[in-house]
Amino acid sequence: MKYLDEYRNPMTAKLLAEKILRRCGRTIRLMEFCGGHTVAIMKHGLRQLLSPRVELLSGPGCPVCVTANRDLDKAIALARHPDVILTTFGDMLRVPGSRTSLQKVRAEGGDVRIVYSATDAVEIARNHPEKSVVFLGIGFETTAPTIASSMREAQENNIANYYVHSLHKLCPPVMKALLDSGETKLDGILCPGHVSAVIGSHPYEFIPRDYGVACAIAGFEPLDILLAVEMLVEQIESQRPAVEIAYRRGVKAEGNRTAQEVLESVFETDAAKWRGIGVIPASGLTIREKYQNMDAERMFSPAIDPPVEQKGCICGDILRGVRTPYDCSLYGTHCTPEQPIGPCMVSSEGACAAYYLYGAYDGR
């Protein structure tokens, strides 16, 4: 009960949950598209609190998890380059590619460094002009503007040895791809809070308009998520799907115009490959021609062997919401946070890691 006692206002949470359960005339199925939401839902017992009327599914909301092995293999090849310092966020270090990981490459002598921001990587490039410093650009619309800003900073300061390997991805296109696939019937979507702080609510308007699916942008406290679920239930029961903001202290309808301008000045949309989903048009960010001299893939052209998947890993199915970590034969035995086989068990926002740390197997 430790985490259940940490609600900012337990009585409000209780009343919201009761209202949600009373309002539901049937079982509804919702999907969250944010790893932070997955962690909060599991940590605070929201699945059990809202059961059986509300089924909460985890979608492709973890940027580490959705990175395809092909792209990981290219990053690993860059890390093996004798003239390269590869910089990355810590979550990427232990993610297994087809045959190895950045952590193992570092143990073998590769210069792989964990940084807390892209600005740190620019500073490393400034201090090591004899090396090529590559930043591994992983993330959704939340982190992409900060990495774009680092590229503009490097260009303005004539730091010619700073490069970015852009593996950024965009949320609305993957939402469309999952809805188009029809694999999982959804009644509503919990839209990501941090992503929406950048892009706003307008990019989701096609979801209720074209698919009749309810949308609510949620914050990260359990009360934020319960409020968003209440909004979704009201939309679903009244048959008036829309896009609502339940996280108004962090999200405006128009988003963050400054962040959008920085992002669009450096990146342009392109097709991207998502783990377990495949190639989705206009769902990734590639570096514009103006900054092509910072494009690590273009400048180094890392060669890789054909990618392969880890045997028995069902991360792709979990990311599409068609299976849960409990369905995986490796979960909790061969695959744990200490010895991960798939990326969903590595990342702090991965569904498998969240289920392992905070879930109790309940057969659902």
Protein backbone atom coordinates (compact mmCIF):
# COMPACT_ATOMS: atom_id res chain seq x y z
CA MET A 1 0.00 0.00 0.00
CA LYS A 2 3.05 2.30 0.12
CA TYR A 3 2.44 4.07 -3.19
CA LEU A 4 -1.33 4.14 -2.77
CA ASP A 5 -0.76 6.25 0.34
CA GLU A 6 1.16 8.85 -1.68
CA TYR A 7 -1.84 10.39 -3.45
CA ARG A 8 -1.81 14.14 -2.99
CA ASN A 9 -5.49 14.02 -2.09
CA PRO A 10 -6.69 10.45 -1.42
CA MET A 11 -10.31 11.50 -0.85
CA THR A 12 -10.51 13.29 -4.20
CA ALA A 13 -8.99 10.24 -5.86
CA LYS A 14 -11.58 8.00 -4.21
CA LEU A 15 -14.45 10.22 -5.33
CA LEU A 16 -13.12 10.42 -8.89
CA ALA A 17 -12.73 6.65 -9.10
CA GLU A 18 -16.24 6.09 -7.78
CA LYS A 19 -17.65 8.60 -10.27
CA ILE A 20 -15.82 6.90 -13.15
CA LEU A 21 -17.09 3.45 -12.19
CA ARG A 22 -20.67 4.70 -11.75
CA ARG A 23 -20.63 6.48 -15.09
CA CYS A 24 -19.33 3.52 -17.11
CA GLY A 25 -22.23 1.64 -18.61
CA ARG A 26 -19.89 -0.98 -20.01
CA THR A 27 -16.23 -1.91 -19.95
CA ILE A 28 -14.20 0.65 -21.88
CA ARG A 29 -10.70 0.27 -23.25
CA LEU A 30 -8.19 3.12 -22.99
CA MET A 31 -4.57 3.32 -24.12
CA GLU A 32 -1.87 5.59 -22.74
CA PHE A 33 0.81 6.77 -25.17
CA CYS A 34 3.36 7.83 -22.57
CA GLY A 35 5.84 5.76 -20.58
CA GLY A 36 5.49 8.19 -17.69
CA HIS A 37 1.77 7.43 -17.58
CA THR A 38 2.46 3.69 -17.66
CA VAL A 39 4.75 4.02 -14.64
CA ALA A 40 2.26 6.19 -12.72
CA ILE A 41 -0.63 3.84 -13.52
CA MET A 42 1.27 0.81 -12.27
CA LYS A 43 2.94 2.52 -9.32
CA HIS A 44 -0.31 3.88 -7.93
CA GLY A 45 -2.51 0.88 -8.66
CA LEU A 46 -4.84 2.64 -11.09
CA ARG A 47 -5.48 -0.50 -13.15
CA GLN A 48 -6.80 -2.30 -10.09
CA LEU A 49 -8.62 0.80 -8.81
CA LEU A 50 -10.64 1.17 -12.03
CA SER A 51 -11.15 -2.53 -12.75
CA PRO A 52 -13.27 -4.06 -14.17
CA ARG A 53 -15.01 -1.12 -15.87
CA VAL A 54 -11.88 0.53 -17.28
CA GLU A 55 -9.18 -1.43 -19.06
CA LEU A 56 -5.88 0.46 -19.33
CA LEU A 57 -3.48 -0.62 -22.08
CA SER A 58 0.10 0.52 -22.59
CA GLY A 59 0.98 1.80 -26.06
CA PRO A 60 4.20 2.82 -27.82
CA GLY A 61 4.96 5.64 -25.40
CA CYS A 62 8.56 4.78 -24.51
CA PRO A 63 11.02 6.27 -27.05
CA VAL A 64 13.77 3.86 -26.01
CA CYS A 65 11.46 0.88 -26.47
CA VAL A 66 10.19 1.82 -29.93
CA THR A 67 13.69 2.26 -31.38
CA ALA A 68 14.18 -0.49 -33.95
CA ASN A 69 17.15 -2.88 -33.77
CA ARG A 70 18.35 -1.59 -37.13
CA ASP A 71 18.76 1.89 -35.66
CA LEU A 72 20.34 0.60 -32.46
CA ASP A 73 22.82 -1.38 -34.53
CA LYS A 74 23.83 1.79 -36.37
CA ALA A 75 24.42 3.57 -33.05
CA ILE A 76 26.54 0.63 -31.88
CA ALA A 77 28.55 0.78 -35.12
CA LEU A 78 29.17 4.49 -34.53
CA ALA A 79 30.35 3.74 -30.98
CA ARG A 80 32.93 1.34 -32.38
CA HIS A 81 34.42 3.99 -34.67
CA PRO A 82 37.92 4.77 -33.34
CA ASP A 83 37.53 8.54 -33.83
CA VAL A 84 34.05 8.83 -32.28
CA ILE A 85 32.88 9.69 -28.78
CA LEU A 86 29.27 8.51 -28.63
CA THR A 87 27.12 10.39 -26.10
CA THR A 88 23.72 9.16 -24.98
CA PHE A 89 21.09 9.27 -22.29
CA GLY A 90 21.58 6.54 -19.70
CA ASP A 91 18.53 4.49 -20.67
CA MET A 92 20.08 3.59 -24.01
CA LEU A 93 23.26 2.07 -22.59
CA ARG A 94 21.86 -1.39 -21.77
CA VAL A 95 19.30 -1.72 -24.57
CA PRO A 96 20.23 -4.83 -26.56
CA GLY A 97 20.64 -4.42 -30.29
CA SER A 98 20.77 -7.39 -32.63
CA ARG A 99 24.00 -8.78 -31.22
CA THR A 100 25.34 -6.51 -28.48
CA SER A 101 24.69 -3.26 -26.59
CA LEU A 102 26.38 0.10 -26.07
CA GLN A 103 27.30 -1.03 -22.56
CA LYS A 104 29.21 -4.01 -23.91
CA VAL A 105 30.89 -1.88 -26.57
CA ARG A 106 32.03 0.51 -23.83
CA ALA A 107 33.39 -2.42 -21.83
CA GLU A 108 35.34 -3.44 -24.92
CA GLY A 109 36.98 -0.01 -25.08
CA GLY A 110 34.51 2.10 -27.08
CA ASP A 111 34.22 5.71 -25.92
CA VAL A 112 30.55 5.80 -24.90
CA ARG A 113 29.56 8.51 -22.42
CA ILE A 114 26.30 9.15 -20.55
CA VAL A 115 25.13 12.75 -20.65
CA TYR A 116 22.15 14.45 -19.05
CA SER A 117 21.45 16.79 -21.95
CA ALA A 118 22.54 17.47 -25.51
CA THR A 119 24.26 20.60 -24.19
CA ASP A 120 26.62 18.33 -22.27
CA ALA A 121 27.50 16.62 -25.55
CA VAL A 122 28.25 19.98 -27.19
CA GLU A 123 30.59 20.78 -24.32
CA ILE A 124 32.40 17.46 -24.79
CA ALA A 125 32.83 18.33 -28.47
CA ARG A 126 34.20 21.74 -27.53
CA ASN A 127 36.72 20.14 -25.16
CA HIS A 128 37.77 17.37 -27.56
CA PRO A 129 38.29 18.97 -30.99
CA GLU A 130 40.42 16.00 -32.06
CA LYS A 131 37.38 13.68 -31.82
CA SER A 132 34.00 13.46 -33.51
CA VAL A 133 31.31 13.66 -30.84
CA VAL A 134 28.00 12.01 -31.79
CA PHE A 135 24.86 12.52 -29.73
CA LEU A 136 22.32 9.71 -29.98
CA GLY A 137 19.07 11.58 -30.56
CA ILE A 138 16.34 9.48 -28.97
CA GLY A 139 12.97 10.86 -27.95
CA PHE A 140 9.62 12.22 -29.01
CA GLU A 141 8.56 15.84 -29.52
CA THR A 142 9.54 16.54 -25.91
CA THR A 143 13.30 16.15 -26.30
CA ALA A 144 13.71 16.93 -30.01
CA PRO A 145 13.60 20.77 -29.55
CA THR A 146 16.41 20.64 -26.98
CA ILE A 147 18.56 18.60 -29.35
CA ALA A 148 17.74 20.98 -32.21
CA SER A 149 18.83 23.82 -29.94
CA SER A 150 22.15 22.07 -29.27
CA MET A 151 22.77 21.85 -33.03
CA ARG A 152 22.07 25.53 -33.49
CA GLU A 153 24.41 26.30 -30.59
CA ALA A 154 27.19 24.20 -32.11
CA GLN A 155 26.77 25.87 -35.50
CA GLU A 156 26.72 29.37 -34.01
CA ASN A 157 29.92 28.64 -32.06
CA ASN A 158 31.69 26.95 -34.98
CA ILE A 159 31.96 23.60 -33.21
CA ALA A 160 32.54 21.50 -36.29
CA ASN A 161 33.01 18.11 -34.58
CA TYR A 162 29.48 17.79 -33.11
CA TYR A 163 27.04 15.40 -34.78
CA VAL A 164 23.57 14.00 -34.06
CA HIS A 165 22.26 10.57 -34.96
CA SER A 166 18.57 11.44 -35.18
CA LEU A 167 16.19 8.66 -34.17
CA HIS A 168 13.43 11.00 -33.02
CA LYS A 169 9.83 9.99 -33.47
CA LEU A 170 6.45 11.75 -33.49
CA CYS A 171 3.39 10.67 -31.54
CA PRO A 172 0.30 11.59 -33.65
CA PRO A 173 1.42 9.48 -36.66
CA VAL A 174 1.88 6.33 -34.56
CA MET A 175 -1.54 6.89 -33.00
CA LYS A 176 -3.00 7.00 -36.50
CA ALA A 177 -1.09 3.86 -37.49
CA LEU A 178 -2.44 1.87 -34.54
CA LEU A 179 -5.99 3.06 -35.13
CA ASP A 180 -5.69 2.18 -38.82
CA SER A 181 -4.41 -1.31 -38.01
CA GLY A 182 -7.58 -2.20 -36.11
CA GLU A 183 -5.64 -4.71 -33.99
CA THR A 184 -6.87 -3.20 -30.74
CA LYS A 185 -10.30 -1.62 -30.42
CA LEU A 186 -9.91 1.57 -28.40
CA ASP A 187 -12.61 3.75 -26.89
CA GLY A 188 -10.25 6.48 -25.73
CA ILE A 189 -6.66 7.67 -25.62
CA LEU A 190 -4.70 9.20 -22.76
CA CYS A 191 -2.53 11.63 -24.71
CA PRO A 192 1.02 12.30 -23.45
CA GLY A 193 1.51 15.30 -21.19
CA HIS A 194 5.10 16.28 -21.95
CA VAL A 195 4.72 15.81 -25.71
CA SER A 196 1.54 17.88 -25.64
CA ALA A 197 3.29 20.67 -23.74
CA VAL A 198 5.29 21.13 -26.95
CA ILE A 199 2.79 20.34 -29.73
CA GLY A 200 -0.46 21.35 -27.99
CA SER A 201 -3.83 19.66 -28.43
CA HIS A 202 -4.60 20.50 -32.07
CA PRO A 203 -2.51 17.67 -33.63
CA TYR A 204 -4.83 15.10 -32.02
CA GLU A 205 -8.06 16.51 -33.48
CA PHE A 206 -8.11 13.95 -36.30
CA ILE A 207 -8.63 11.15 -33.73
CA PRO A 208 -12.18 12.03 -32.58
CA ARG A 209 -13.06 13.47 -36.00
CA ASP A 210 -11.93 10.53 -38.16
CA TYR A 211 -12.08 7.59 -35.74
CA GLY A 212 -14.70 8.56 -33.16
CA VAL A 213 -12.18 7.92 -30.36
CA ALA A 214 -12.13 10.10 -27.24
CA CYS A 215 -8.93 11.95 -26.25
CA ALA A 216 -7.73 13.59 -23.05
CA ILE A 217 -4.26 14.98 -22.33
CA ALA A 218 -3.13 13.81 -18.90
CA GLY A 219 -0.55 14.93 -16.38
CA PHE A 220 1.53 12.53 -14.35
CA GLU A 221 0.13 12.48 -10.82
CA PRO A 222 -2.52 9.82 -10.16
CA LEU A 223 -5.13 12.57 -9.75
CA ASP A 224 -4.17 13.97 -13.18
CA ILE A 225 -4.70 10.58 -14.77
CA LEU A 226 -7.99 9.96 -12.97
CA LEU A 227 -9.25 13.36 -14.09
CA ALA A 228 -8.34 12.53 -17.69
CA VAL A 229 -10.06 9.13 -17.41
CA GLU A 230 -13.17 10.87 -16.07
CA MET A 231 -13.15 13.17 -19.12
CA LEU A 232 -12.78 10.19 -21.43
CA VAL A 233 -15.63 8.30 -19.77
CA GLU A 234 -17.90 11.33 -20.10
CA GLN A 235 -17.05 11.67 -23.80
CA ILE A 236 -17.57 7.96 -24.43
CA GLU A 237 -20.85 7.64 -22.54
CA SER A 238 -22.28 10.81 -24.11
CA GLN A 239 -20.99 9.74 -27.54
CA ARG A 240 -19.29 13.10 -28.04
CA PRO A 241 -15.59 12.33 -28.65
CA ALA A 242 -13.28 15.32 -28.49
CA VAL A 243 -9.80 16.41 -27.41
CA GLU A 244 -9.73 17.73 -23.84
CA ILE A 245 -6.87 18.97 -21.70
CA ALA A 246 -6.78 17.58 -18.17
CA TYR A 247 -3.28 18.98 -17.63
CA ARG A 248 -3.86 22.70 -18.05
CA ARG A 249 -0.98 23.70 -15.77
CA GLY A 250 1.39 22.20 -18.35
CA VAL A 251 -0.40 22.22 -21.71
CA LYS A 252 -1.95 24.92 -23.88
CA ALA A 253 -4.00 24.19 -26.97
CA GLU A 254 -1.40 25.87 -29.21
CA GLY A 255 1.54 24.22 -27.45
CA ASN A 256 4.95 25.84 -27.06
CA ARG A 257 5.49 27.94 -30.17
CA THR A 258 9.15 28.65 -29.36
CA ALA A 259 9.96 24.94 -29.04
CA GLN A 260 8.06 24.22 -32.26
CA GLU A 261 10.05 26.89 -34.15
CA VAL A 262 13.39 25.55 -32.91
CA LEU A 263 12.42 21.99 -33.84
CA GLU A 264 11.17 22.91 -37.31
CA SER A 265 14.27 24.99 -38.07
CA VAL A 266 16.56 21.95 -37.70
CA PHE A 267 14.40 18.89 -38.46
CA GLU A 268 11.89 17.85 -41.07
CA THR A 269 9.52 14.89 -41.04
CA ASP A 270 10.40 11.60 -42.67
CA ALA A 271 9.38 7.96 -42.47
CA ALA A 272 10.65 6.08 -39.42
CA LYS A 273 10.74 2.46 -38.35
CA TRP A 274 9.07 1.61 -35.05
CA ARG A 275 9.77 -1.58 -33.14
CA GLY A 276 6.89 -4.02 -33.53
CA ILE A 277 4.96 -1.70 -35.84
CA GLY A 278 7.11 -1.13 -38.89
CA VAL A 279 7.76 1.90 -41.06
CA ILE A 280 5.28 4.74 -40.50
CA PRO A 281 5.24 7.68 -42.96
CA ALA A 282 6.08 11.14 -41.57
CA SER A 283 6.60 9.74 -38.07
CA GLY A 284 10.29 10.55 -37.67
CA LEU A 285 12.56 13.57 -37.78
CA THR A 286 15.48 13.83 -40.15
CA ILE A 287 18.05 16.63 -40.19
CA ARG A 288 17.46 19.46 -42.65
CA GLU A 289 19.91 20.22 -45.45
CA LYS A 290 21.13 23.34 -43.64
CA TYR A 291 22.53 21.13 -40.87
CA GLN A 292 23.61 18.17 -43.00
CA ASN A 293 27.21 18.53 -41.81
CA MET A 294 25.96 17.49 -38.34
CA ASP A 295 24.08 14.42 -39.54
CA ALA A 296 26.04 11.48 -38.11
CA GLU A 297 24.45 8.90 -40.37
CA ARG A 298 25.19 10.93 -43.47
CA MET A 299 28.75 11.78 -42.43
CA PHE A 300 29.81 8.35 -41.14
CA SER A 301 27.48 5.95 -43.03
CA PRO A 302 27.78 3.18 -40.40
CA ALA A 303 27.66 -0.29 -41.94
CA ILE A 304 25.67 -2.98 -40.13
CA ASP A 305 24.75 -6.61 -40.59
CA PRO A 306 21.07 -7.46 -41.18
CA PRO A 307 19.22 -6.83 -37.89
CA VAL A 308 17.73 -9.71 -35.91
CA GLU A 309 15.26 -9.77 -33.01
CA GLN A 310 15.83 -11.29 -29.59
CA LYS A 311 14.32 -14.78 -29.54
CA GLY A 312 11.12 -14.97 -27.47
CA CYS A 313 10.86 -11.22 -26.85
CA ILE A 314 7.35 -9.83 -27.43
CA CYS A 315 8.15 -6.13 -26.88
CA GLY A 316 6.66 -5.34 -30.28
CA ASP A 317 3.30 -6.87 -29.32
CA ILE A 318 3.35 -5.07 -25.96
CA LEU A 319 4.02 -1.72 -27.66
CA ARG A 320 1.00 -2.24 -29.91
CA GLY A 321 -1.20 -3.04 -26.92
CA VAL A 322 -2.15 -6.49 -28.18
CA ARG A 323 -0.34 -8.29 -25.34
CA THR A 324 0.89 -7.40 -21.86
CA PRO A 325 4.20 -8.18 -20.16
CA TYR A 326 2.44 -11.00 -18.29
CA ASP A 327 1.96 -12.77 -21.65
CA CYS A 328 5.71 -13.03 -22.24
CA SER A 329 7.34 -16.35 -21.35
CA LEU A 330 10.59 -14.51 -20.57
CA TYR A 331 9.06 -11.92 -18.24
CA GLY A 332 10.33 -12.02 -14.67
CA THR A 333 12.45 -15.15 -15.22
CA HIS A 334 14.90 -14.87 -18.10
CA CYS A 335 14.15 -11.16 -18.56
CA THR A 336 14.46 -8.84 -15.55
CA PRO A 337 15.71 -5.25 -15.08
CA GLU A 338 19.07 -6.69 -13.98
CA GLN A 339 19.34 -9.00 -17.00
CA PRO A 340 17.06 -7.49 -19.69
CA ILE A 341 16.43 -9.23 -22.98
CA GLY A 342 14.09 -6.64 -24.49
CA PRO A 343 14.06 -2.82 -24.35
CA CYS A 344 10.71 -2.70 -22.54
CA MET A 345 12.51 -4.14 -19.49
CA VAL A 346 15.47 -1.76 -19.79
CA SER A 347 13.96 1.70 -19.93
CA SER A 348 12.62 3.30 -16.77
CA GLU A 349 9.50 4.08 -18.86
CA GLY A 350 9.18 0.62 -20.39
CA ALA A 351 5.99 -1.31 -19.74
CA CYS A 352 7.81 -4.49 -18.67
CA ALA A 353 9.97 -2.60 -16.18
CA ALA A 354 6.91 -0.80 -14.76
CA TYR A 355 4.95 -4.04 -14.41
CA TYR A 356 7.97 -5.77 -12.83
CA LEU A 357 8.64 -3.01 -10.29
CA TYR A 358 5.09 -2.11 -9.32
CA GLY A 359 2.72 -4.76 -10.59
CA ALA A 360 1.41 -7.88 -8.96
CA TYR A 361 0.58 -10.67 -11.37
CA ASP A 362 -3.20 -10.80 -11.56
CA GLY A 363 -3.74 -12.84 -14.69
CA ARG A 364 -5.01 -9.84 -16.69
